[in-house]
Amino acid sequence: MISRPDFIFLDFDGVIMDYMALKLESYCHAFDGLGFSKDAIRLLQLSSAGLSRQKTIPLMYESLAGKPMPEDLFAMALARFGAHDDASRSRMALMPGAAEFLAAAREGGTRLAVVTGTPQDVIEKTVAHFHLGGFFTRVCGTPGGKAQHLDRMLKEFSVFADRCLFVGDAIKDQEAALAVGMPFAGIDSHPDPFVREGALMRIRDLGDLVPALRA
């Protein structure tokens, strides 16, 4: 990894916030009454990590039901997911190493931005709830893809991709980094989530990046 990147872009769920178990509960709540097992939903959650809820819910349904998801059922499931997700916010917690990383970035003047598949209004509420806004130059959710957000911010802040770093925990995060030619640090949250292509560094959590921020 380059020493002290000019800009670090971060996925949120599973990188900054320990949220995956709560998100699984929200997906189960969204599909309640349809006969889908929690284990089956969890496997699909892992395989679709990095996608927005708007894309994940119909993909899960089609995989589990064997047919496309009706629009009215999708709207109901999305609303149920959102309500459960909002109610779960107070139960979220920072990932190991995240607090130390954020403090080190602030002390060293390293710019940070969130790039997530979570809806913009939802991620803004979560960042505000945990008083994290002061750590980030930008917080970017959906609509808008991750590669799209990265490309736009590289231009906005006049930084080179090879002098930056994207940190994520899913193949979709790595694909976004590859799309713009940016080095990628992958958090190993589940078995073999990444491909070997591109500049890949595997880390346990954000705490592994602190020495580079203080170099």
N, C-alpha and C. Protein backbone atom coordinates (compact mmCIF):
# COMPACT_ATOMS: atom_id res chain seq x y z
N MET A 1 0.84 -1.19 0.00
CA MET A 1 0.00 0.00 0.00
C MET A 1 0.88 1.24 0.00
N ILE A 2 0.43 2.29 -0.70
CA ILE A 2 1.15 3.55 -0.66
C ILE A 2 1.14 4.10 0.77
N SER A 3 2.20 4.79 1.13
CA SER A 3 2.28 5.37 2.46
C SER A 3 1.41 6.61 2.53
N ARG A 4 0.55 6.66 3.51
CA ARG A 4 -0.37 7.76 3.75
C ARG A 4 -1.07 8.20 2.46
N PRO A 5 -2.13 7.50 2.07
CA PRO A 5 -2.88 7.87 0.86
C PRO A 5 -3.37 9.31 0.92
N ASP A 6 -3.52 9.92 -0.26
CA ASP A 6 -4.03 11.29 -0.32
C ASP A 6 -5.50 11.36 0.07
N PHE A 7 -6.23 10.27 -0.18
CA PHE A 7 -7.67 10.24 0.10
C PHE A 7 -8.03 8.77 0.32
N ILE A 8 -8.81 8.49 1.34
CA ILE A 8 -9.28 7.12 1.58
C ILE A 8 -10.80 7.11 1.49
N PHE A 9 -11.30 6.22 0.65
CA PHE A 9 -12.74 6.04 0.46
C PHE A 9 -13.14 4.74 1.16
N LEU A 10 -14.26 4.77 1.86
CA LEU A 10 -14.64 3.65 2.72
C LEU A 10 -16.07 3.21 2.49
N ASP A 11 -16.26 1.91 2.31
CA ASP A 11 -17.60 1.36 2.45
C ASP A 11 -17.98 1.53 3.93
N PHE A 12 -19.25 1.38 4.24
CA PHE A 12 -19.69 1.66 5.61
C PHE A 12 -20.00 0.39 6.39
N ASP A 13 -20.97 -0.40 5.90
CA ASP A 13 -21.38 -1.62 6.60
C ASP A 13 -20.26 -2.66 6.54
N GLY A 14 -19.83 -3.13 7.69
CA GLY A 14 -18.78 -4.12 7.74
C GLY A 14 -17.38 -3.55 7.64
N VAL A 15 -17.27 -2.24 7.49
CA VAL A 15 -15.97 -1.56 7.44
C VAL A 15 -15.86 -0.57 8.59
N ILE A 16 -16.81 0.35 8.66
CA ILE A 16 -16.86 1.32 9.75
C ILE A 16 -17.83 0.85 10.84
N MET A 17 -18.97 0.34 10.41
CA MET A 17 -20.02 -0.05 11.35
C MET A 17 -20.26 -1.55 11.32
N ASP A 18 -20.35 -2.16 12.49
CA ASP A 18 -20.63 -3.58 12.63
C ASP A 18 -22.14 -3.76 12.51
N TYR A 19 -22.58 -4.13 11.31
CA TYR A 19 -24.00 -4.01 10.99
C TYR A 19 -24.55 -5.25 10.29
N MET A 20 -23.69 -6.18 9.91
CA MET A 20 -24.13 -7.27 9.05
C MET A 20 -25.18 -8.16 9.73
N ALA A 21 -25.03 -8.44 11.02
CA ALA A 21 -26.01 -9.29 11.71
C ALA A 21 -27.36 -8.58 11.81
N LEU A 22 -27.33 -7.28 12.07
CA LEU A 22 -28.57 -6.52 12.13
C LEU A 22 -29.23 -6.44 10.76
N LYS A 23 -28.42 -6.31 9.72
CA LYS A 23 -28.98 -6.26 8.37
C LYS A 23 -29.64 -7.58 8.02
N LEU A 24 -29.05 -8.69 8.47
CA LEU A 24 -29.67 -9.99 8.24
C LEU A 24 -31.04 -10.04 8.89
N GLU A 25 -31.16 -9.52 10.11
CA GLU A 25 -32.46 -9.46 10.78
C GLU A 25 -33.47 -8.65 9.95
N SER A 26 -32.99 -7.56 9.35
CA SER A 26 -33.88 -6.71 8.54
C SER A 26 -34.34 -7.44 7.29
N TYR A 27 -33.43 -8.19 6.65
CA TYR A 27 -33.84 -8.98 5.48
C TYR A 27 -34.85 -10.06 5.88
N CYS A 28 -34.61 -10.72 7.00
CA CYS A 28 -35.56 -11.74 7.47
C CYS A 28 -36.92 -11.12 7.77
N HIS A 29 -36.93 -9.93 8.34
CA HIS A 29 -38.18 -9.24 8.61
C HIS A 29 -38.89 -8.88 7.31
N ALA A 30 -38.11 -8.46 6.31
CA ALA A 30 -38.71 -8.09 5.02
C ALA A 30 -39.41 -9.27 4.37
N PHE A 31 -38.86 -10.47 4.54
CA PHE A 31 -39.42 -11.67 3.91
C PHE A 31 -40.28 -12.51 4.87
N ASP A 32 -40.60 -11.97 6.03
CA ASP A 32 -41.36 -12.73 7.03
C ASP A 32 -42.68 -13.24 6.44
N GLY A 33 -42.97 -14.51 6.68
CA GLY A 33 -44.21 -15.10 6.21
C GLY A 33 -44.12 -15.77 4.85
N LEU A 34 -42.95 -15.65 4.19
CA LEU A 34 -42.79 -16.23 2.86
C LEU A 34 -42.14 -17.60 2.88
N GLY A 35 -41.74 -18.06 4.08
CA GLY A 35 -41.20 -19.40 4.19
C GLY A 35 -39.73 -19.55 3.86
N PHE A 36 -38.99 -18.44 3.78
CA PHE A 36 -37.56 -18.51 3.48
C PHE A 36 -36.78 -18.68 4.78
N SER A 37 -35.80 -19.57 4.79
CA SER A 37 -35.03 -19.80 6.00
C SER A 37 -33.98 -18.71 6.22
N LYS A 38 -33.64 -18.48 7.47
CA LYS A 38 -32.64 -17.50 7.81
C LYS A 38 -31.29 -17.86 7.21
N ASP A 39 -30.94 -19.14 7.22
CA ASP A 39 -29.66 -19.57 6.66
C ASP A 39 -29.58 -19.28 5.17
N ALA A 40 -30.67 -19.53 4.46
CA ALA A 40 -30.69 -19.27 3.02
C ALA A 40 -30.56 -17.77 2.74
N ILE A 41 -31.25 -16.98 3.53
CA ILE A 41 -31.16 -15.52 3.36
C ILE A 41 -29.75 -15.04 3.66
N ARG A 42 -29.13 -15.61 4.68
CA ARG A 42 -27.77 -15.20 5.04
C ARG A 42 -26.78 -15.49 3.91
N LEU A 43 -26.88 -16.65 3.30
CA LEU A 43 -25.98 -16.98 2.19
C LEU A 43 -26.14 -15.98 1.04
N LEU A 44 -27.36 -15.59 0.75
CA LEU A 44 -27.60 -14.62 -0.31
C LEU A 44 -27.14 -13.23 0.10
N GLN A 45 -27.26 -12.91 1.39
CA GLN A 45 -26.74 -11.63 1.88
C GLN A 45 -25.24 -11.54 1.63
N LEU A 46 -24.51 -12.61 1.91
CA LEU A 46 -23.07 -12.61 1.70
C LEU A 46 -22.72 -12.49 0.22
N SER A 47 -23.44 -13.21 -0.61
CA SER A 47 -23.11 -13.20 -2.04
C SER A 47 -23.48 -11.88 -2.71
N SER A 48 -24.41 -11.14 -2.12
CA SER A 48 -24.83 -9.85 -2.70
C SER A 48 -24.25 -8.66 -1.95
N ALA A 49 -23.30 -8.91 -1.06
CA ALA A 49 -22.72 -7.82 -0.26
C ALA A 49 -22.20 -6.72 -1.16
N GLY A 50 -22.50 -5.49 -0.79
CA GLY A 50 -22.07 -4.34 -1.57
C GLY A 50 -23.16 -3.77 -2.46
N LEU A 51 -24.23 -4.54 -2.69
CA LEU A 51 -25.35 -4.05 -3.48
C LEU A 51 -26.33 -3.30 -2.59
N SER A 52 -27.11 -2.42 -3.19
CA SER A 52 -28.13 -1.70 -2.44
C SER A 52 -29.28 -2.63 -2.08
N ARG A 53 -30.06 -2.23 -1.10
CA ARG A 53 -31.23 -3.02 -0.69
C ARG A 53 -32.24 -3.12 -1.84
N GLN A 54 -32.32 -2.05 -2.65
CA GLN A 54 -33.26 -2.06 -3.78
C GLN A 54 -32.91 -3.15 -4.79
N LYS A 55 -31.63 -3.48 -4.92
CA LYS A 55 -31.22 -4.55 -5.83
C LYS A 55 -31.21 -5.91 -5.13
N THR A 56 -30.81 -5.92 -3.86
CA THR A 56 -30.65 -7.18 -3.15
C THR A 56 -31.97 -7.88 -2.89
N ILE A 57 -32.99 -7.14 -2.48
CA ILE A 57 -34.26 -7.76 -2.11
C ILE A 57 -34.88 -8.54 -3.27
N PRO A 58 -35.02 -7.96 -4.47
CA PRO A 58 -35.60 -8.77 -5.56
C PRO A 58 -34.69 -9.91 -6.01
N LEU A 59 -33.36 -9.73 -5.90
CA LEU A 59 -32.44 -10.82 -6.24
C LEU A 59 -32.62 -11.99 -5.27
N MET A 60 -32.73 -11.66 -3.98
CA MET A 60 -32.96 -12.69 -2.98
C MET A 60 -34.27 -13.43 -3.24
N TYR A 61 -35.31 -12.66 -3.48
CA TYR A 61 -36.62 -13.28 -3.70
C TYR A 61 -36.59 -14.23 -4.89
N GLU A 62 -36.04 -13.78 -6.00
CA GLU A 62 -36.00 -14.62 -7.20
C GLU A 62 -35.19 -15.89 -6.97
N SER A 63 -34.09 -15.77 -6.22
CA SER A 63 -33.27 -16.95 -5.92
C SER A 63 -34.02 -17.93 -5.03
N LEU A 64 -34.76 -17.41 -4.05
CA LEU A 64 -35.42 -18.27 -3.08
C LEU A 64 -36.78 -18.78 -3.56
N ALA A 65 -37.49 -17.96 -4.34
CA ALA A 65 -38.83 -18.35 -4.79
C ALA A 65 -38.83 -18.97 -6.19
N GLY A 66 -37.74 -18.74 -6.91
CA GLY A 66 -37.66 -19.30 -8.25
C GLY A 66 -38.47 -18.55 -9.29
N LYS A 67 -38.83 -17.31 -9.00
CA LYS A 67 -39.60 -16.50 -9.94
C LYS A 67 -39.36 -15.02 -9.62
N PRO A 68 -39.59 -14.13 -10.59
CA PRO A 68 -39.39 -12.70 -10.34
C PRO A 68 -40.30 -12.19 -9.23
N MET A 69 -39.84 -11.17 -8.53
CA MET A 69 -40.61 -10.63 -7.41
C MET A 69 -41.68 -9.66 -7.93
N PRO A 70 -42.95 -9.87 -7.57
CA PRO A 70 -44.00 -8.93 -7.96
C PRO A 70 -43.73 -7.54 -7.39
N GLU A 71 -44.12 -6.51 -8.13
CA GLU A 71 -43.81 -5.14 -7.73
C GLU A 71 -44.45 -4.77 -6.39
N ASP A 72 -45.68 -5.21 -6.15
CA ASP A 72 -46.33 -4.86 -4.89
C ASP A 72 -45.65 -5.55 -3.71
N LEU A 73 -45.19 -6.78 -3.92
CA LEU A 73 -44.48 -7.50 -2.85
C LEU A 73 -43.12 -6.86 -2.61
N PHE A 74 -42.45 -6.41 -3.68
CA PHE A 74 -41.18 -5.72 -3.52
C PHE A 74 -41.35 -4.44 -2.71
N ALA A 75 -42.37 -3.66 -3.02
CA ALA A 75 -42.60 -2.41 -2.30
C ALA A 75 -42.85 -2.69 -0.81
N MET A 76 -43.62 -3.72 -0.52
CA MET A 76 -43.90 -4.07 0.87
C MET A 76 -42.63 -4.54 1.59
N ALA A 77 -41.84 -5.40 0.93
CA ALA A 77 -40.62 -5.92 1.55
C ALA A 77 -39.60 -4.81 1.77
N LEU A 78 -39.49 -3.89 0.81
CA LEU A 78 -38.56 -2.78 0.95
C LEU A 78 -38.97 -1.89 2.12
N ALA A 79 -40.25 -1.64 2.27
CA ALA A 79 -40.74 -0.83 3.39
C ALA A 79 -40.50 -1.53 4.72
N ARG A 80 -40.73 -2.83 4.76
CA ARG A 80 -40.51 -3.59 6.00
C ARG A 80 -39.02 -3.60 6.35
N PHE A 81 -38.16 -3.77 5.36
CA PHE A 81 -36.72 -3.72 5.60
C PHE A 81 -36.34 -2.35 6.17
N GLY A 82 -36.82 -1.30 5.54
CA GLY A 82 -36.47 0.06 5.96
C GLY A 82 -36.91 0.36 7.38
N ALA A 83 -38.12 -0.07 7.73
CA ALA A 83 -38.63 0.18 9.08
C ALA A 83 -37.81 -0.56 10.12
N HIS A 84 -37.47 -1.82 9.84
CA HIS A 84 -36.67 -2.61 10.78
C HIS A 84 -35.26 -2.04 10.87
N ASP A 85 -34.72 -1.62 9.74
CA ASP A 85 -33.38 -1.04 9.70
C ASP A 85 -33.31 0.24 10.55
N ASP A 86 -34.30 1.11 10.38
CA ASP A 86 -34.33 2.34 11.17
C ASP A 86 -34.42 2.03 12.67
N ALA A 87 -35.23 1.05 13.02
CA ALA A 87 -35.40 0.70 14.42
C ALA A 87 -34.15 0.06 15.02
N SER A 88 -33.29 -0.47 14.16
CA SER A 88 -32.07 -1.15 14.62
C SER A 88 -30.88 -0.21 14.78
N ARG A 89 -31.02 1.04 14.35
CA ARG A 89 -29.85 1.94 14.30
C ARG A 89 -29.16 2.06 15.65
N SER A 90 -29.90 2.16 16.71
CA SER A 90 -29.29 2.36 18.03
C SER A 90 -28.51 1.13 18.50
N ARG A 91 -28.72 -0.02 17.86
CA ARG A 91 -28.02 -1.24 18.23
C ARG A 91 -26.72 -1.43 17.45
N MET A 92 -26.46 -0.55 16.49
CA MET A 92 -25.23 -0.66 15.71
C MET A 92 -24.03 -0.27 16.58
N ALA A 93 -22.85 -0.72 16.18
CA ALA A 93 -21.62 -0.39 16.90
C ALA A 93 -20.48 -0.28 15.90
N LEU A 94 -19.48 0.51 16.26
CA LEU A 94 -18.32 0.64 15.39
C LEU A 94 -17.58 -0.68 15.28
N MET A 95 -17.02 -0.93 14.11
CA MET A 95 -16.20 -2.12 13.91
C MET A 95 -14.91 -1.99 14.71
N PRO A 96 -14.28 -3.11 15.07
CA PRO A 96 -12.97 -3.05 15.74
C PRO A 96 -11.98 -2.24 14.90
N GLY A 97 -11.23 -1.39 15.56
CA GLY A 97 -10.22 -0.59 14.88
C GLY A 97 -10.73 0.67 14.24
N ALA A 98 -12.06 0.83 14.11
CA ALA A 98 -12.61 1.98 13.39
C ALA A 98 -12.36 3.29 14.13
N ALA A 99 -12.58 3.31 15.44
CA ALA A 99 -12.40 4.54 16.21
C ALA A 99 -10.95 5.02 16.14
N GLU A 100 -10.00 4.09 16.29
CA GLU A 100 -8.59 4.45 16.23
C GLU A 100 -8.22 4.96 14.83
N PHE A 101 -8.75 4.31 13.82
CA PHE A 101 -8.49 4.72 12.44
C PHE A 101 -9.01 6.13 12.17
N LEU A 102 -10.25 6.40 12.57
CA LEU A 102 -10.84 7.71 12.33
C LEU A 102 -10.06 8.80 13.06
N ALA A 103 -9.64 8.52 14.28
CA ALA A 103 -8.86 9.49 15.03
C ALA A 103 -7.51 9.74 14.37
N ALA A 104 -6.85 8.68 13.90
CA ALA A 104 -5.54 8.82 13.25
C ALA A 104 -5.65 9.60 11.95
N ALA A 105 -6.73 9.36 11.20
CA ALA A 105 -6.93 10.09 9.95
C ALA A 105 -7.14 11.58 10.22
N ARG A 106 -7.91 11.88 11.24
CA ARG A 106 -8.13 13.29 11.59
C ARG A 106 -6.84 13.95 12.04
N GLU A 107 -6.08 13.25 12.89
CA GLU A 107 -4.82 13.82 13.39
C GLU A 107 -3.81 14.05 12.27
N GLY A 108 -3.78 13.13 11.29
CA GLY A 108 -2.82 13.24 10.21
C GLY A 108 -3.29 14.04 9.02
N GLY A 109 -4.54 14.49 9.04
CA GLY A 109 -5.07 15.29 7.94
C GLY A 109 -5.40 14.49 6.70
N THR A 110 -5.62 13.18 6.84
CA THR A 110 -5.99 12.34 5.70
C THR A 110 -7.49 12.48 5.45
N ARG A 111 -7.85 12.83 4.24
CA ARG A 111 -9.26 13.00 3.90
C ARG A 111 -9.95 11.65 3.72
N LEU A 112 -11.19 11.58 4.21
CA LEU A 112 -11.98 10.35 4.15
C LEU A 112 -13.33 10.65 3.51
N ALA A 113 -13.87 9.64 2.83
CA ALA A 113 -15.23 9.73 2.30
C ALA A 113 -15.89 8.37 2.40
N VAL A 114 -17.18 8.37 2.69
CA VAL A 114 -17.98 7.14 2.71
C VAL A 114 -18.58 6.92 1.33
N VAL A 115 -18.46 5.68 0.83
CA VAL A 115 -19.07 5.30 -0.45
C VAL A 115 -19.81 3.99 -0.20
N THR A 116 -21.13 4.05 -0.15
CA THR A 116 -21.93 2.90 0.29
C THR A 116 -23.13 2.68 -0.61
N GLY A 117 -23.66 1.47 -0.57
CA GLY A 117 -24.89 1.16 -1.28
C GLY A 117 -26.14 1.47 -0.50
N THR A 118 -25.99 2.00 0.71
CA THR A 118 -27.12 2.40 1.54
C THR A 118 -27.76 3.67 0.98
N PRO A 119 -29.10 3.79 0.99
CA PRO A 119 -29.73 5.02 0.51
C PRO A 119 -29.17 6.27 1.19
N GLN A 120 -29.08 7.35 0.44
CA GLN A 120 -28.45 8.57 0.93
C GLN A 120 -29.07 9.08 2.22
N ASP A 121 -30.39 9.11 2.28
CA ASP A 121 -31.02 9.64 3.49
C ASP A 121 -30.76 8.75 4.71
N VAL A 122 -30.66 7.43 4.47
CA VAL A 122 -30.43 6.51 5.58
C VAL A 122 -29.01 6.61 6.10
N ILE A 123 -28.03 6.67 5.19
CA ILE A 123 -26.64 6.75 5.65
C ILE A 123 -26.38 8.09 6.34
N GLU A 124 -27.03 9.14 5.88
CA GLU A 124 -26.87 10.44 6.56
C GLU A 124 -27.42 10.38 7.98
N LYS A 125 -28.55 9.70 8.17
CA LYS A 125 -29.12 9.56 9.52
C LYS A 125 -28.19 8.76 10.43
N THR A 126 -27.60 7.70 9.88
CA THR A 126 -26.72 6.85 10.69
C THR A 126 -25.45 7.59 11.07
N VAL A 127 -24.86 8.28 10.11
CA VAL A 127 -23.64 9.06 10.38
C VAL A 127 -23.93 10.12 11.44
N ALA A 128 -25.08 10.79 11.33
CA ALA A 128 -25.44 11.81 12.30
C ALA A 128 -25.72 11.20 13.68
N HIS A 129 -26.38 10.04 13.70
CA HIS A 129 -26.72 9.38 14.97
C HIS A 129 -25.47 9.10 15.80
N PHE A 130 -24.40 8.69 15.11
CA PHE A 130 -23.16 8.34 15.81
C PHE A 130 -22.14 9.48 15.81
N HIS A 131 -22.56 10.67 15.40
CA HIS A 131 -21.72 11.87 15.43
C HIS A 131 -20.40 11.66 14.67
N LEU A 132 -20.51 11.07 13.48
CA LEU A 132 -19.33 10.76 12.68
C LEU A 132 -19.10 11.75 11.54
N GLY A 133 -20.03 12.67 11.33
CA GLY A 133 -19.96 13.54 10.17
C GLY A 133 -18.67 14.33 10.06
N GLY A 134 -18.10 14.72 11.19
CA GLY A 134 -16.88 15.53 11.17
C GLY A 134 -15.66 14.80 10.65
N PHE A 135 -15.73 13.48 10.53
CA PHE A 135 -14.59 12.71 10.03
C PHE A 135 -14.55 12.63 8.50
N PHE A 136 -15.67 12.94 7.84
CA PHE A 136 -15.78 12.68 6.41
C PHE A 136 -15.95 13.94 5.58
N THR A 137 -15.21 14.00 4.49
CA THR A 137 -15.36 15.09 3.53
C THR A 137 -16.64 14.94 2.74
N ARG A 138 -17.00 13.71 2.42
CA ARG A 138 -18.24 13.41 1.71
C ARG A 138 -18.83 12.11 2.24
N VAL A 139 -20.15 12.00 2.20
CA VAL A 139 -20.86 10.76 2.51
C VAL A 139 -21.77 10.49 1.32
N CYS A 140 -21.49 9.42 0.58
CA CYS A 140 -22.19 9.13 -0.67
C CYS A 140 -22.90 7.78 -0.62
N GLY A 141 -24.21 7.82 -0.79
CA GLY A 141 -25.01 6.60 -0.85
C GLY A 141 -25.73 6.50 -2.17
N THR A 142 -26.79 5.69 -2.21
CA THR A 142 -27.57 5.55 -3.43
C THR A 142 -28.72 6.57 -3.43
N PRO A 143 -29.15 7.01 -4.64
CA PRO A 143 -28.74 6.53 -5.95
C PRO A 143 -27.31 6.94 -6.32
N GLY A 144 -26.79 6.22 -7.29
CA GLY A 144 -25.40 6.40 -7.72
C GLY A 144 -24.59 5.19 -7.34
N GLY A 145 -23.85 4.63 -8.29
CA GLY A 145 -23.02 3.47 -8.02
C GLY A 145 -21.71 3.86 -7.36
N LYS A 146 -21.03 2.89 -6.78
CA LYS A 146 -19.79 3.17 -6.07
C LYS A 146 -18.70 3.67 -7.02
N ALA A 147 -18.54 3.03 -8.17
CA ALA A 147 -17.54 3.48 -9.13
C ALA A 147 -17.85 4.89 -9.61
N GLN A 148 -19.12 5.18 -9.79
CA GLN A 148 -19.55 6.51 -10.21
C GLN A 148 -19.16 7.56 -9.16
N HIS A 149 -19.41 7.26 -7.90
CA HIS A 149 -19.04 8.18 -6.82
C HIS A 149 -17.53 8.37 -6.76
N LEU A 150 -16.78 7.27 -6.87
CA LEU A 150 -15.32 7.38 -6.82
C LEU A 150 -14.79 8.25 -7.95
N ASP A 151 -15.26 7.99 -9.16
CA ASP A 151 -14.79 8.76 -10.32
C ASP A 151 -15.11 10.24 -10.16
N ARG A 152 -16.31 10.54 -9.68
CA ARG A 152 -16.70 11.94 -9.51
C ARG A 152 -15.83 12.64 -8.48
N MET A 153 -15.54 11.97 -7.36
CA MET A 153 -14.75 12.61 -6.31
C MET A 153 -13.28 12.74 -6.68
N LEU A 154 -12.76 11.80 -7.46
CA LEU A 154 -11.38 11.95 -7.95
C LEU A 154 -11.25 13.24 -8.74
N LYS A 155 -12.25 13.52 -9.56
CA LYS A 155 -12.24 14.75 -10.36
C LYS A 155 -12.50 15.98 -9.49
N GLU A 156 -13.46 15.85 -8.58
CA GLU A 156 -13.82 16.99 -7.74
C GLU A 156 -12.66 17.47 -6.88
N PHE A 157 -11.89 16.52 -6.34
CA PHE A 157 -10.81 16.88 -5.43
C PHE A 157 -9.42 16.84 -6.09
N SER A 158 -9.41 16.62 -7.40
CA SER A 158 -8.17 16.65 -8.18
C SER A 158 -7.09 15.76 -7.57
N VAL A 159 -7.47 14.50 -7.31
CA VAL A 159 -6.53 13.52 -6.78
C VAL A 159 -6.41 12.37 -7.77
N PHE A 160 -5.26 11.71 -7.76
CA PHE A 160 -5.02 10.59 -8.66
C PHE A 160 -5.43 9.28 -7.98
N ALA A 161 -6.06 8.42 -8.77
CA ALA A 161 -6.57 7.16 -8.22
C ALA A 161 -5.47 6.33 -7.57
N ASP A 162 -4.28 6.32 -8.19
CA ASP A 162 -3.21 5.48 -7.64
C ASP A 162 -2.58 6.05 -6.38
N ARG A 163 -3.02 7.25 -5.98
CA ARG A 163 -2.56 7.84 -4.73
C ARG A 163 -3.64 7.76 -3.65
N CYS A 164 -4.72 7.04 -3.96
CA CYS A 164 -5.84 6.90 -3.03
C CYS A 164 -6.03 5.44 -2.66
N LEU A 165 -7.00 5.18 -1.82
CA LEU A 165 -7.29 3.82 -1.37
C LEU A 165 -8.78 3.69 -1.14
N PHE A 166 -9.35 2.56 -1.59
CA PHE A 166 -10.73 2.23 -1.27
C PHE A 166 -10.73 1.02 -0.36
N VAL A 167 -11.45 1.11 0.75
CA VAL A 167 -11.53 0.02 1.72
C VAL A 167 -12.95 -0.53 1.73
N GLY A 168 -13.08 -1.84 1.50
CA GLY A 168 -14.39 -2.46 1.50
C GLY A 168 -14.33 -3.89 2.00
N ASP A 169 -15.49 -4.53 2.04
CA ASP A 169 -15.55 -5.91 2.54
C ASP A 169 -16.27 -6.83 1.56
N ALA A 170 -16.43 -6.40 0.30
CA ALA A 170 -17.18 -7.19 -0.66
C ALA A 170 -16.59 -7.05 -2.06
N ILE A 171 -16.88 -8.03 -2.90
CA ILE A 171 -16.37 -8.02 -4.27
C ILE A 171 -16.86 -6.79 -5.02
N LYS A 172 -18.08 -6.32 -4.73
CA LYS A 172 -18.59 -5.12 -5.41
C LYS A 172 -17.74 -3.90 -5.08
N ASP A 173 -17.19 -3.85 -3.87
CA ASP A 173 -16.29 -2.75 -3.51
C ASP A 173 -15.00 -2.84 -4.32
N GLN A 174 -14.46 -4.05 -4.42
CA GLN A 174 -13.24 -4.25 -5.18
C GLN A 174 -13.46 -3.92 -6.66
N GLU A 175 -14.60 -4.30 -7.20
CA GLU A 175 -14.90 -4.01 -8.59
C GLU A 175 -14.98 -2.50 -8.83
N ALA A 176 -15.51 -1.76 -7.87
CA ALA A 176 -15.57 -0.30 -8.01
C ALA A 176 -14.17 0.29 -8.03
N ALA A 177 -13.29 -0.21 -7.15
CA ALA A 177 -11.90 0.27 -7.13
C ALA A 177 -11.20 -0.05 -8.44
N LEU A 178 -11.39 -1.26 -8.94
CA LEU A 178 -10.77 -1.66 -10.21
C LEU A 178 -11.25 -0.78 -11.36
N ALA A 179 -12.52 -0.40 -11.33
CA ALA A 179 -13.10 0.38 -12.42
C ALA A 179 -12.43 1.75 -12.58
N VAL A 180 -11.92 2.29 -11.47
CA VAL A 180 -11.29 3.61 -11.53
C VAL A 180 -9.77 3.53 -11.36
N GLY A 181 -9.23 2.30 -11.27
CA GLY A 181 -7.79 2.14 -11.15
C GLY A 181 -7.23 2.49 -9.79
N MET A 182 -8.01 2.22 -8.74
CA MET A 182 -7.61 2.60 -7.38
C MET A 182 -7.18 1.37 -6.58
N PRO A 183 -6.10 1.45 -5.79
CA PRO A 183 -5.73 0.37 -4.89
C PRO A 183 -6.88 0.05 -3.93
N PHE A 184 -6.96 -1.21 -3.53
CA PHE A 184 -8.08 -1.67 -2.71
C PHE A 184 -7.57 -2.44 -1.50
N ALA A 185 -8.13 -2.13 -0.35
CA ALA A 185 -7.87 -2.88 0.87
C ALA A 185 -9.15 -3.60 1.25
N GLY A 186 -9.09 -4.93 1.30
CA GLY A 186 -10.28 -5.72 1.56
C GLY A 186 -10.29 -6.30 2.96
N ILE A 187 -11.38 -6.05 3.68
CA ILE A 187 -11.56 -6.63 5.00
C ILE A 187 -12.15 -8.03 4.84
N ASP A 188 -11.45 -9.03 5.35
CA ASP A 188 -11.88 -10.42 5.20
C ASP A 188 -13.00 -10.74 6.18
N SER A 189 -14.21 -10.42 5.79
CA SER A 189 -15.36 -10.65 6.68
C SER A 189 -16.01 -12.00 6.44
N HIS A 190 -15.74 -12.62 5.30
CA HIS A 190 -16.26 -13.96 5.02
C HIS A 190 -15.31 -14.62 4.02
N PRO A 191 -15.38 -15.94 3.85
CA PRO A 191 -14.37 -16.66 3.05
C PRO A 191 -14.28 -16.20 1.59
N ASP A 192 -13.05 -15.93 1.14
CA ASP A 192 -12.75 -15.64 -0.26
C ASP A 192 -13.69 -14.62 -0.90
N PRO A 193 -13.82 -13.43 -0.31
CA PRO A 193 -14.74 -12.46 -0.91
C PRO A 193 -14.15 -11.68 -2.07
N PHE A 194 -12.84 -11.83 -2.36
CA PHE A 194 -12.19 -10.98 -3.35
C PHE A 194 -11.52 -11.80 -4.45
N VAL A 195 -11.20 -11.12 -5.55
CA VAL A 195 -10.42 -11.71 -6.63
C VAL A 195 -8.99 -11.19 -6.54
N ARG A 196 -8.08 -11.86 -7.23
CA ARG A 196 -6.67 -11.49 -7.16
C ARG A 196 -6.32 -10.29 -8.04
N GLU A 197 -7.21 -9.92 -8.92
CA GLU A 197 -6.93 -8.84 -9.86
C GLU A 197 -6.77 -7.50 -9.15
N GLY A 198 -5.87 -6.65 -9.69
CA GLY A 198 -5.69 -5.31 -9.16
C GLY A 198 -4.80 -5.26 -7.93
N ALA A 199 -4.65 -4.06 -7.39
CA ALA A 199 -3.83 -3.84 -6.20
C ALA A 199 -4.65 -4.18 -4.97
N LEU A 200 -4.46 -5.38 -4.46
CA LEU A 200 -5.27 -5.85 -3.34
C LEU A 200 -4.43 -6.09 -2.10
N MET A 201 -4.86 -5.51 -0.99
CA MET A 201 -4.26 -5.79 0.30
C MET A 201 -5.38 -6.27 1.23
N ARG A 202 -5.18 -7.39 1.89
CA ARG A 202 -6.17 -7.91 2.83
C ARG A 202 -5.85 -7.42 4.23
N ILE A 203 -6.86 -6.96 4.94
CA ILE A 203 -6.67 -6.47 6.30
C ILE A 203 -7.74 -7.09 7.21
N ARG A 204 -7.45 -7.12 8.51
CA ARG A 204 -8.43 -7.62 9.47
C ARG A 204 -9.51 -6.58 9.74
N ASP A 205 -9.09 -5.33 9.90
CA ASP A 205 -10.00 -4.22 10.16
C ASP A 205 -9.25 -2.93 9.90
N LEU A 206 -9.92 -1.81 10.09
CA LEU A 206 -9.31 -0.51 9.80
C LEU A 206 -8.09 -0.22 10.66
N GLY A 207 -8.02 -0.85 11.80
CA GLY A 207 -6.86 -0.64 12.66
C GLY A 207 -5.55 -1.00 11.99
N ASP A 208 -5.58 -1.93 11.02
CA ASP A 208 -4.34 -2.31 10.32
C ASP A 208 -3.80 -1.17 9.46
N LEU A 209 -4.62 -0.17 9.17
CA LEU A 209 -4.18 0.96 8.34
C LEU A 209 -3.62 2.11 9.15
N VAL A 210 -3.77 2.07 10.46
CA VAL A 210 -3.35 3.18 11.30
C VAL A 210 -1.85 3.50 11.16
N PRO A 211 -0.95 2.49 11.13
CA PRO A 211 0.48 2.82 10.98
C PRO A 211 0.78 3.63 9.73
N ALA A 212 0.09 3.34 8.63
CA ALA A 212 0.31 4.09 7.40
C ALA A 212 -0.13 5.55 7.55
N LEU A 213 -1.18 5.78 8.33
CA LEU A 213 -1.66 7.14 8.55
C LEU A 213 -0.72 7.95 9.43
N ARG A 214 0.05 7.25 10.23
CA ARG A 214 0.97 7.92 11.16
C ARG A 214 2.41 7.91 10.68
N ALA A 215 2.63 7.38 9.46
CA ALA A 215 4.00 7.27 8.93
C ALA A 215 4.57 8.65 8.59
